[in-house]
């Protein structure tokens, strides 16, 4: 019964035509994809970075909370640090976050960033800062007795200002 229905609705010559139409490719048959090795050195470096010091792609640092005795007018109590992290705006930035002792949480709410810092593991978080300014954050994990005193301060500056800062800072 099924074969009689097939022959009624789909004659043999029509089935062959539809099978032939299904295998037709629209891409040119003689053309093969061009494959080549690409290295980071093959991409051009902007002229403004060629004239001076090398711009770092990786660095680590430590900053500490500014104590109440050292606060100056305009500083935010319990959120200000002695050494701010300076980053360029309008640039894709990747953070690799880990811890040495206990669980921490790298959190900067105004940039929408929060990731755990776990000993023995590396977590990656990306950001793209669109405007200049100072962004405050803290460790948001109950990690120990001084948990409330682990601030994070990011100062976002223009790429030109960052290049001058990096040239001065990394010449040493």
C-alpha atoms as a PDB file:
ATOM      1  CA  UNK A   1       0.000   0.000   0.000  1.00  0.00           C
ATOM      2  CA  UNK A   2       2.861   2.372   0.809  1.00  0.00           C
ATOM      3  CA  UNK A   3       4.509   1.774  -2.574  1.00  0.00           C
ATOM      4  CA  UNK A   4       1.287   2.515  -4.384  1.00  0.00           C
ATOM      5  CA  UNK A   5       0.972   5.802  -2.501  1.00  0.00           C
ATOM      6  CA  UNK A   6       4.589   6.705  -3.368  1.00  0.00           C
ATOM      7  CA  UNK A   7       3.990   6.068  -7.032  1.00  0.00           C
ATOM      8  CA  UNK A   8       0.797   8.103  -6.860  1.00  0.00           C
ATOM      9  CA  UNK A   9       2.299  11.189  -5.215  1.00  0.00           C
ATOM     10  CA  UNK A  10       5.911  10.923  -6.355  1.00  0.00           C
ATOM     11  CA  UNK A  11       6.497   9.312  -9.749  1.00  0.00           C
ATOM     12  CA  UNK A  12       9.887   7.631 -10.360  1.00  0.00           C
ATOM     13  CA  UNK A  13      11.229  10.284 -12.746  1.00  0.00           C
ATOM     14  CA  UNK A  14      10.328  13.041 -10.291  1.00  0.00           C
ATOM     15  CA  UNK A  15      12.191  11.232  -7.440  1.00  0.00           C
ATOM     16  CA  UNK A  16      15.314  10.980  -9.611  1.00  0.00           C
ATOM     17  CA  UNK A  17      15.130  14.693 -10.449  1.00  0.00           C
ATOM     18  CA  UNK A  18      14.835  15.683  -6.794  1.00  0.00           C
ATOM     19  CA  UNK A  19      17.799  13.429  -5.848  1.00  0.00           C
ATOM     20  CA  UNK A  20      19.919  14.973  -8.608  1.00  0.00           C
ATOM     21  CA  UNK A  21      18.925  18.504  -7.562  1.00  0.00           C
ATOM     22  CA  UNK A  22      19.863  17.837  -3.947  1.00  0.00           C
ATOM     23  CA  UNK A  23      23.509  17.050  -4.829  1.00  0.00           C
ATOM     24  CA  UNK A  24      24.202  20.150  -6.901  1.00  0.00           C
ATOM     25  CA  UNK A  25      26.803  22.432  -5.300  1.00  0.00           C
ATOM     26  CA  UNK A  26      26.895  26.128  -5.972  1.00  0.00           C
ATOM     27  CA  UNK A  27      30.571  26.643  -5.086  1.00  0.00           C
ATOM     28  CA  UNK A  28      33.202  26.572  -7.829  1.00  0.00           C
ATOM     29  CA  UNK A  29      34.724  23.092  -7.981  1.00  0.00           C
ATOM     30  CA  UNK A  30      38.221  24.049  -9.189  1.00  0.00           C
ATOM     31  CA  UNK A  31      38.965  26.514  -6.359  1.00  0.00           C
ATOM     32  CA  UNK A  32      40.693  25.267  -3.200  1.00  0.00           C
ATOM     33  CA  UNK A  33      40.885  27.273   0.037  1.00  0.00           C
ATOM     34  CA  UNK A  34      44.090  29.248   0.529  1.00  0.00           C
ATOM     35  CA  UNK A  35      45.740  28.341   3.830  1.00  0.00           C
ATOM     36  CA  UNK A  36      48.741  30.154   5.268  1.00  0.00           C
ATOM     37  CA  UNK A  37      50.442  30.435   8.643  1.00  0.00           C
ATOM     38  CA  UNK A  38      49.903  33.763  10.397  1.00  0.00           C
ATOM     39  CA  UNK A  39      52.031  34.963  13.314  1.00  0.00           C
ATOM     40  CA  UNK A  40      51.524  37.899  15.661  1.00  0.00           C
ATOM     41  CA  UNK A  41      54.600  39.565  14.149  1.00  0.00           C
ATOM     42  CA  UNK A  42      52.866  39.698  10.748  1.00  0.00           C
ATOM     43  CA  UNK A  43      50.377  42.300  11.955  1.00  0.00           C
ATOM     44  CA  UNK A  44      51.512  45.931  11.739  1.00  0.00           C
ATOM     45  CA  UNK A  45      52.285  47.823  14.938  1.00  0.00           C
ATOM     46  CA  UNK A  46      50.831  51.360  15.182  1.00  0.00           C
ATOM     47  CA  UNK A  47      53.419  54.089  14.590  1.00  0.00           C
ATOM     48  CA  UNK A  48      52.891  55.699  18.003  1.00  0.00           C
ATOM     49  CA  UNK A  49      54.210  52.553  19.713  1.00  0.00           C
ATOM     50  CA  UNK A  50      57.309  52.192  17.525  1.00  0.00           C
ATOM     51  CA  UNK A  51      59.148  55.294  18.703  1.00  0.00           C
ATOM     52  CA  UNK A  52      59.809  54.391  22.355  1.00  0.00           C
ATOM     53  CA  UNK A  53      59.684  51.645  24.916  1.00  0.00           C
ATOM     54  CA  UNK A  54      58.012  48.315  24.416  1.00  0.00           C
ATOM     55  CA  UNK A  55      54.351  48.235  25.504  1.00  0.00           C
ATOM     56  CA  UNK A  56      53.882  45.317  27.912  1.00  0.00           C
ATOM     57  CA  UNK A  57      51.310  42.645  27.226  1.00  0.00           C
ATOM     58  CA  UNK A  58      51.530  41.043  30.691  1.00  0.00           C
ATOM     59  CA  UNK A  59      52.382  42.346  34.118  1.00  0.00           C
ATOM     60  CA  UNK A  60      51.484  41.832  37.743  1.00  0.00           C
ATOM     61  CA  UNK A  61      51.621  44.191  40.662  1.00  0.00           C
ATOM     62  CA  UNK A  62      50.509  44.645  44.234  1.00  0.00           C
ATOM     63  CA  UNK A  63      48.735  47.634  45.719  1.00  0.00           C
ATOM     64  CA  UNK A  64      47.769  48.277  49.319  1.00  0.00           C
ATOM     65  CA  UNK A  65      44.978  50.107  51.108  1.00  0.00           C
ATOM     66  CA  UNK A  66      45.707  53.739  52.000  1.00  0.00           C
ATOM     67  CA  UNK A  67      45.423  54.029  55.792  1.00  0.00           C
ATOM     68  CA  UNK A  68      43.252  56.653  57.487  1.00  0.00           C
ATOM     69  CA  UNK A  69      46.359  58.648  58.492  1.00  0.00           C
ATOM     70  CA  UNK A  70      47.528  58.895  54.862  1.00  0.00           C
ATOM     71  CA  UNK A  71      44.179  59.914  53.334  1.00  0.00           C
ATOM     72  CA  UNK A  72      44.121  63.217  51.457  1.00  0.00           C
ATOM     73  CA  UNK A  73      41.032  65.293  50.598  1.00  0.00           C
ATOM     74  CA  UNK A  74      39.088  63.683  47.763  1.00  0.00           C
ATOM     75  CA  UNK A  75      40.268  60.135  48.514  1.00  0.00           C
ATOM     76  CA  UNK A  76      37.637  57.492  49.269  1.00  0.00           C
ATOM     77  CA  UNK A  77      38.115  55.853  52.673  1.00  0.00           C
ATOM     78  CA  UNK A  78      38.621  52.040  52.611  1.00  0.00           C
ATOM     79  CA  UNK A  79      38.583  52.039  48.777  1.00  0.00           C
ATOM     80  CA  UNK A  80      41.723  54.025  47.881  1.00  0.00           C
ATOM     81  CA  UNK A  81      45.016  52.242  47.154  1.00  0.00           C
ATOM     82  CA  UNK A  82      48.620  53.386  47.035  1.00  0.00           C
ATOM     83  CA  UNK A  83      49.111  52.195  43.429  1.00  0.00           C
ATOM     84  CA  UNK A  84      46.213  52.268  40.941  1.00  0.00           C
ATOM     85  CA  UNK A  85      45.972  49.909  37.977  1.00  0.00           C
ATOM     86  CA  UNK A  86      46.154  52.128  34.881  1.00  0.00           C
ATOM     87  CA  UNK A  87      44.434  50.731  31.766  1.00  0.00           C
ATOM     88  CA  UNK A  88      43.674  52.160  28.314  1.00  0.00           C
ATOM     89  CA  UNK A  89      40.139  52.865  27.138  1.00  0.00           C
ATOM     90  CA  UNK A  90      38.720  51.580  23.835  1.00  0.00           C
ATOM     91  CA  UNK A  91      40.920  48.473  24.040  1.00  0.00           C
ATOM     92  CA  UNK A  92      40.020  44.841  24.676  1.00  0.00           C
ATOM     93  CA  UNK A  93      41.589  43.804  27.991  1.00  0.00           C
ATOM     94  CA  UNK A  94      41.920  40.291  29.383  1.00  0.00           C
ATOM     95  CA  UNK A  95      42.496  39.639  33.089  1.00  0.00           C
ATOM     96  CA  UNK A  96      43.988  36.357  34.269  1.00  0.00           C
ATOM     97  CA  UNK A  97      43.044  36.033  37.929  1.00  0.00           C
ATOM     98  CA  UNK A  98      44.428  33.616  40.515  1.00  0.00           C
ATOM     99  CA  UNK A  99      45.120  33.568  44.267  1.00  0.00           C
ATOM    100  CA  UNK A 100      48.029  32.437  46.389  1.00  0.00           C
ATOM    101  CA  UNK A 101      46.433  31.692  49.753  1.00  0.00           C
ATOM    102  CA  UNK A 102      42.619  31.407  49.950  1.00  0.00           C
ATOM    103  CA  UNK A 103      39.571  32.100  47.764  1.00  0.00           C
ATOM    104  CA  UNK A 104      39.167  35.722  46.738  1.00  0.00           C
ATOM    105  CA  UNK A 105      36.772  37.432  44.342  1.00  0.00           C
ATOM    106  CA  UNK A 106      38.020  40.101  41.923  1.00  0.00           C
ATOM    107  CA  UNK A 107      35.029  42.428  41.639  1.00  0.00           C
ATOM    108  CA  UNK A 108      34.578  45.843  40.000  1.00  0.00           C
ATOM    109  CA  UNK A 109      30.808  46.401  39.830  1.00  0.00           C
ATOM    110  CA  UNK A 110      30.914  49.614  37.778  1.00  0.00           C
ATOM    111  CA  UNK A 111      32.647  47.697  34.959  1.00  0.00           C
ATOM    112  CA  UNK A 112      30.392  44.662  35.354  1.00  0.00           C
ATOM    113  CA  UNK A 113      33.317  42.460  36.325  1.00  0.00           C
ATOM    114  CA  UNK A 114      33.386  39.731  38.947  1.00  0.00           C
ATOM    115  CA  UNK A 115      35.391  36.502  38.967  1.00  0.00           C
ATOM    116  CA  UNK A 116      36.716  34.166  41.607  1.00  0.00           C
ATOM    117  CA  UNK A 117      40.409  33.957  42.393  1.00  0.00           C
ATOM    118  CA  UNK A 118      41.145  30.361  43.334  1.00  0.00           C
ATOM    119  CA  UNK A 119      44.564  29.033  44.382  1.00  0.00           C
ATOM    120  CA  UNK A 120      45.955  26.717  41.717  1.00  0.00           C
ATOM    121  CA  UNK A 121      43.538  27.847  38.996  1.00  0.00           C
ATOM    122  CA  UNK A 122      43.516  30.681  36.513  1.00  0.00           C
ATOM    123  CA  UNK A 123      40.243  32.401  35.645  1.00  0.00           C
ATOM    124  CA  UNK A 124      39.952  34.663  32.636  1.00  0.00           C
ATOM    125  CA  UNK A 125      37.679  37.673  32.356  1.00  0.00           C
ATOM    126  CA  UNK A 126      37.510  40.197  29.514  1.00  0.00           C
ATOM    127  CA  UNK A 127      36.493  43.830  29.528  1.00  0.00           C
ATOM    128  CA  UNK A 128      36.249  46.772  27.183  1.00  0.00           C
ATOM    129  CA  UNK A 129      36.341  50.148  28.960  1.00  0.00           C
ATOM    130  CA  UNK A 130      34.544  52.793  26.914  1.00  0.00           C
ATOM    131  CA  UNK A 131      35.112  55.931  28.990  1.00  0.00           C
ATOM    132  CA  UNK A 132      37.874  57.442  31.060  1.00  0.00           C
ATOM    133  CA  UNK A 133      37.519  57.523  34.824  1.00  0.00           C
ATOM    134  CA  UNK A 134      38.302  55.830  38.120  1.00  0.00           C
ATOM    135  CA  UNK A 135      36.546  52.558  38.904  1.00  0.00           C
ATOM    136  CA  UNK A 136      36.474  51.115  42.432  1.00  0.00           C
ATOM    137  CA  UNK A 137      35.984  47.532  43.515  1.00  0.00           C
ATOM    138  CA  UNK A 138      36.761  45.146  46.354  1.00  0.00           C
ATOM    139  CA  UNK A 139      37.306  41.519  47.103  1.00  0.00           C
ATOM    140  CA  UNK A 140      33.761  40.261  47.582  1.00  0.00           C
ATOM    141  CA  UNK A 141      34.604  36.895  49.123  1.00  0.00           C
ATOM    142  CA  UNK A 142      34.858  36.184  52.858  1.00  0.00           C
ATOM    143  CA  UNK A 143      38.531  35.341  52.607  1.00  0.00           C
ATOM    144  CA  UNK A 144      39.947  36.175  56.020  1.00  0.00           C
ATOM    145  CA  UNK A 145      40.326  38.687  58.823  1.00  0.00           C
ATOM    146  CA  UNK A 146      41.248  41.648  56.614  1.00  0.00           C
ATOM    147  CA  UNK A 147      38.669  40.812  53.944  1.00  0.00           C
ATOM    148  CA  UNK A 148      37.039  44.236  54.096  1.00  0.00           C
ATOM    149  CA  UNK A 149      40.376  45.906  53.346  1.00  0.00           C
ATOM    150  CA  UNK A 150      41.210  44.552  49.894  1.00  0.00           C
ATOM    151  CA  UNK A 151      40.240  47.337  47.477  1.00  0.00           C
ATOM    152  CA  UNK A 152      40.805  47.388  43.716  1.00  0.00           C
ATOM    153  CA  UNK A 153      41.132  50.685  41.845  1.00  0.00           C
ATOM    154  CA  UNK A 154      41.301  50.921  38.048  1.00  0.00           C
ATOM    155  CA  UNK A 155      42.128  54.229  36.414  1.00  0.00           C
ATOM    156  CA  UNK A 156      41.041  54.241  32.768  1.00  0.00           C
ATOM    157  CA  UNK A 157      42.898  56.717  30.545  1.00  0.00           C
ATOM    158  CA  UNK A 158      43.096  57.373  26.806  1.00  0.00           C
ATOM    159  CA  UNK A 159      45.342  55.041  24.783  1.00  0.00           C
ATOM    160  CA  UNK A 160      47.792  57.902  24.140  1.00  0.00           C
ATOM    161  CA  UNK A 161      48.100  58.680  27.858  1.00  0.00           C
ATOM    162  CA  UNK A 162      48.508  54.970  28.598  1.00  0.00           C
ATOM    163  CA  UNK A 163      51.318  54.651  26.043  1.00  0.00           C
ATOM    164  CA  UNK A 164      53.165  57.566  27.684  1.00  0.00           C
ATOM    165  CA  UNK A 165      52.572  56.026  31.127  1.00  0.00           C
ATOM    166  CA  UNK A 166      53.826  52.623  29.980  1.00  0.00           C
ATOM    167  CA  UNK A 167      56.873  54.167  28.322  1.00  0.00           C
ATOM    168  CA  UNK A 168      57.799  55.918  31.573  1.00  0.00           C
ATOM    169  CA  UNK A 169      56.910  53.020  33.861  1.00  0.00           C
ATOM    170  CA  UNK A 170      58.441  50.086  31.968  1.00  0.00           C
ATOM    171  CA  UNK A 171      61.743  51.647  30.941  1.00  0.00           C
ATOM    172  CA  UNK A 172      63.239  50.545  34.256  1.00  0.00           C
END
